[in-house]
C-alpha atoms as a PDB file:
ATOM      1  CA  MET A   1      89.528  91.018  23.773  1.00  0.00           C
ATOM      2  CA  ILE A   2      89.172  87.878  21.787  1.00  0.00           C
ATOM      3  CA  LEU A   3      91.828  87.686  19.057  1.00  0.00           C
ATOM      4  CA  CYS A   4      90.208  85.425  15.810  1.00  0.00           C
ATOM      5  CA  LEU A   5      92.469  84.018  13.328  1.00  0.00           C
ATOM      6  CA  LEU A   6      91.836  83.818   9.826  1.00  0.00           C
ATOM      7  CA  HIS A   7      92.730  81.657   6.764  1.00  0.00           C
ATOM      8  CA  TYR A   8      93.803  78.226   7.009  1.00  0.00           C
ATOM      9  CA  LEU A   9      96.727  76.084   7.840  1.00  0.00           C
ATOM     10  CA  VAL A  10      97.201  73.405   5.498  1.00  0.00           C
ATOM     11  CA  TYR A  11     100.049  70.721   5.934  1.00  0.00           C
ATOM     12  CA  ASP A  12     100.970  67.244   4.986  1.00  0.00           C
ATOM     13  CA  VAL A  13     101.996  64.378   6.865  1.00  0.00           C
ATOM     14  CA  THR A  14     104.530  61.922   5.606  1.00  0.00           C
ATOM     15  CA  GLY A  15     103.005  58.391   4.803  1.00  0.00           C
ATOM     16  CA  ALA A  16      99.400  59.863   5.578  1.00  0.00           C
ATOM     17  CA  ALA A  17      96.719  58.273   3.531  1.00  0.00           C
ATOM     18  CA  SER A  18      95.190  61.741   2.625  1.00  0.00           C
ATOM     19  CA  ASP A  19      97.110  64.345   0.251  1.00  0.00           C
ATOM     20  CA  ARG A  20      96.561  67.164   2.818  1.00  0.00           C
ATOM     21  CA  ASN A  21      95.543  68.265   6.276  1.00  0.00           C
ATOM     22  CA  CYS A  22      93.614  71.367   7.005  1.00  0.00           C
ATOM     23  CA  VAL A  23      92.947  73.517  10.255  1.00  0.00           C
ATOM     24  CA  VAL A  24      90.261  76.470   9.745  1.00  0.00           C
ATOM     25  CA  LEU A  25      92.265  78.774  11.663  1.00  0.00           C
ATOM     26  CA  ASN A  26      88.780  81.060  11.976  1.00  0.00           C
ATOM     27  CA  ASP A  27      87.370  78.637  14.274  1.00  0.00           C
ATOM     28  CA  ILE A  28      90.350  79.397  16.675  1.00  0.00           C
ATOM     29  CA  HIS A  29      89.281  82.105  19.000  1.00  0.00           C
ATOM     30  CA  ILE A  30      91.800  83.201  21.827  1.00  0.00           C
ATOM     31  CA  ASP A  31      91.209  85.549  24.669  1.00  0.00           C
ATOM     32  CA  ILE A  32      94.338  87.393  25.011  1.00  0.00           C
ATOM     33  CA  MET A  33      93.244  88.494  28.265  1.00  0.00           C
ATOM     34  CA  ASP A  34      94.123  84.994  29.902  1.00  0.00           C
ATOM     35  CA  TYR A  35      97.909  85.833  29.072  1.00  0.00           C
ATOM     36  CA  ILE A  36      98.302  89.253  30.404  1.00  0.00           C
ATOM     37  CA  VAL A  37      99.640  89.201  34.024  1.00  0.00           C
ATOM     38  CA  PRO A  38     100.748  92.165  36.004  1.00  0.00           C
ATOM     39  CA  ALA A  39     104.437  93.092  36.346  1.00  0.00           C
ATOM     40  CA  SER A  40     106.597  95.214  38.091  1.00  0.00           C
ATOM     41  CA  CYS A  41     109.040  97.731  36.968  1.00  0.00           C
ATOM     42  CA  THR A  42     110.656 100.952  38.598  1.00  0.00           C
ATOM     43  CA  ASP A  43     109.444 104.344  37.411  1.00  0.00           C
ATOM     44  CA  THR A  44     112.483 105.154  35.523  1.00  0.00           C
ATOM     45  CA  GLU A  45     112.310 101.758  33.627  1.00  0.00           C
ATOM     46  CA  PHE A  46     108.725 102.385  32.860  1.00  0.00           C
ATOM     47  CA  ARG A  47     109.360 105.748  31.478  1.00  0.00           C
ATOM     48  CA  GLN A  48     112.279 104.751  29.449  1.00  0.00           C
ATOM     49  CA  MET A  49     109.986 101.761  27.900  1.00  0.00           C
ATOM     50  CA  TRP A  50     107.319 104.407  27.321  1.00  0.00           C
ATOM     51  CA  ALA A  51     109.824 106.765  25.528  1.00  0.00           C
ATOM     52  CA  GLU A  52     110.919 103.930  23.383  1.00  0.00           C
ATOM     53  CA  PHE A  53     107.382 103.119  22.215  1.00  0.00           C
ATOM     54  CA  GLU A  54     106.901 106.533  21.059  1.00  0.00           C
ATOM     55  CA  TRP A  55     103.096 106.422  20.958  1.00  0.00           C
ATOM     56  CA  GLU A  56     100.089 107.709  22.830  1.00  0.00           C
ATOM     57  CA  ASN A  57      96.804 106.657  22.531  1.00  0.00           C
ATOM     58  CA  LYS A  58      93.665 108.907  23.475  1.00  0.00           C
ATOM     59  CA  VAL A  59      90.360 106.822  24.092  1.00  0.00           C
ATOM     60  CA  SER A  60      87.104 108.643  24.869  1.00  0.00           C
ATOM     61  CA  VAL A  61      85.727 107.202  27.904  1.00  0.00           C
ATOM     62  CA  ASN A  62      81.935 107.370  28.899  1.00  0.00           C
ATOM     63  CA  THR A  63      81.546 106.307  32.447  1.00  0.00           C
ATOM     64  CA  ASN A  64      79.237 107.001  35.430  1.00  0.00           C
ATOM     65  CA  VAL A  65      82.229 106.796  37.971  1.00  0.00           C
ATOM     66  CA  THR A  66      82.599 110.119  39.124  1.00  0.00           C
ATOM     67  CA  ASP A  67      85.641 109.049  41.523  1.00  0.00           C
ATOM     68  CA  LEU A  68      88.859 109.090  39.724  1.00  0.00           C
ATOM     69  CA  TYR A  69      90.613 106.742  42.027  1.00  0.00           C
ATOM     70  CA  GLU A  70      87.750 104.167  41.690  1.00  0.00           C
ATOM     71  CA  TYR A  71      87.818 104.374  38.155  1.00  0.00           C
ATOM     72  CA  LEU A  72      91.775 103.788  38.094  1.00  0.00           C
ATOM     73  CA  GLN A  73      90.866 100.851  40.362  1.00  0.00           C
ATOM     74  CA  HIS A  74      88.506  99.321  37.937  1.00  0.00           C
ATOM     75  CA  ILE A  75      90.454 100.017  34.796  1.00  0.00           C
ATOM     76  CA  VAL A  76      93.407  98.062  36.678  1.00  0.00           C
ATOM     77  CA  SER A  77      91.466  94.806  37.433  1.00  0.00           C
ATOM     78  CA  SER A  78      89.489  94.795  34.249  1.00  0.00           C
ATOM     79  CA  THR A  79      92.571  94.937  32.086  1.00  0.00           C
ATOM     80  CA  ASN A  80      94.863  92.731  34.141  1.00  0.00           C
ATOM     81  CA  MET A  81      97.051  95.755  34.718  1.00  0.00           C
ATOM     82  CA  LYS A  82      99.102  97.046  37.802  1.00  0.00           C
ATOM     83  CA  CYS A  83      99.437 100.841  38.797  1.00  0.00           C
ATOM     84  CA  LEU A  84     102.954 101.484  39.204  1.00  0.00           C
ATOM     85  CA  THR A  85     102.406 104.487  41.538  1.00  0.00           C
ATOM     86  CA  PRO A  86     101.989 103.627  45.051  1.00  0.00           C
ATOM     87  CA  GLU A  87      98.464 103.684  46.371  1.00  0.00           C
ATOM     88  CA  LYS A  88      99.030 106.081  49.124  1.00  0.00           C
ATOM     89  CA  VAL A  89     100.451 108.800  46.484  1.00  0.00           C
ATOM     90  CA  SER A  90      97.854 107.815  43.813  1.00  0.00           C
ATOM     91  CA  GLU A  91      95.231 108.351  46.362  1.00  0.00           C
ATOM     92  CA  ASN A  92      96.275 111.769  47.132  1.00  0.00           C
ATOM     93  CA  TRP A  93      97.287 112.696  43.714  1.00  0.00           C
ATOM     94  CA  LEU A  94      93.806 111.673  42.043  1.00  0.00           C
END
C-alpha cells in the first residue's frame, strides 16, 4: 500500500535569501508496509482491542488457492502480520 501526500509545505528560514521555501508533498511516496511489523498479544488482549475498535471490514476475495490454511499463510506473509492462533490449532481448525 502506497501513501501519497498531497499539497505543499511552505516555510520560511530566518536570514535566508528567498522569501519562502516550498516542498511539494505530492512527490513524496511512502510504502506503509515498510513500517508494519508483526507483534504478539494474548488472545484476551486481542479480543479486548478488537471490541474497542467496534468495526469489522468485509472484503470479497477472488483466489485460485483452495486450501484455507495455505491462504491464511499467504495473507499473513503478504501483510507483514502474525497469526495469533498457534499453528497446530489453526491447521486443524481450518
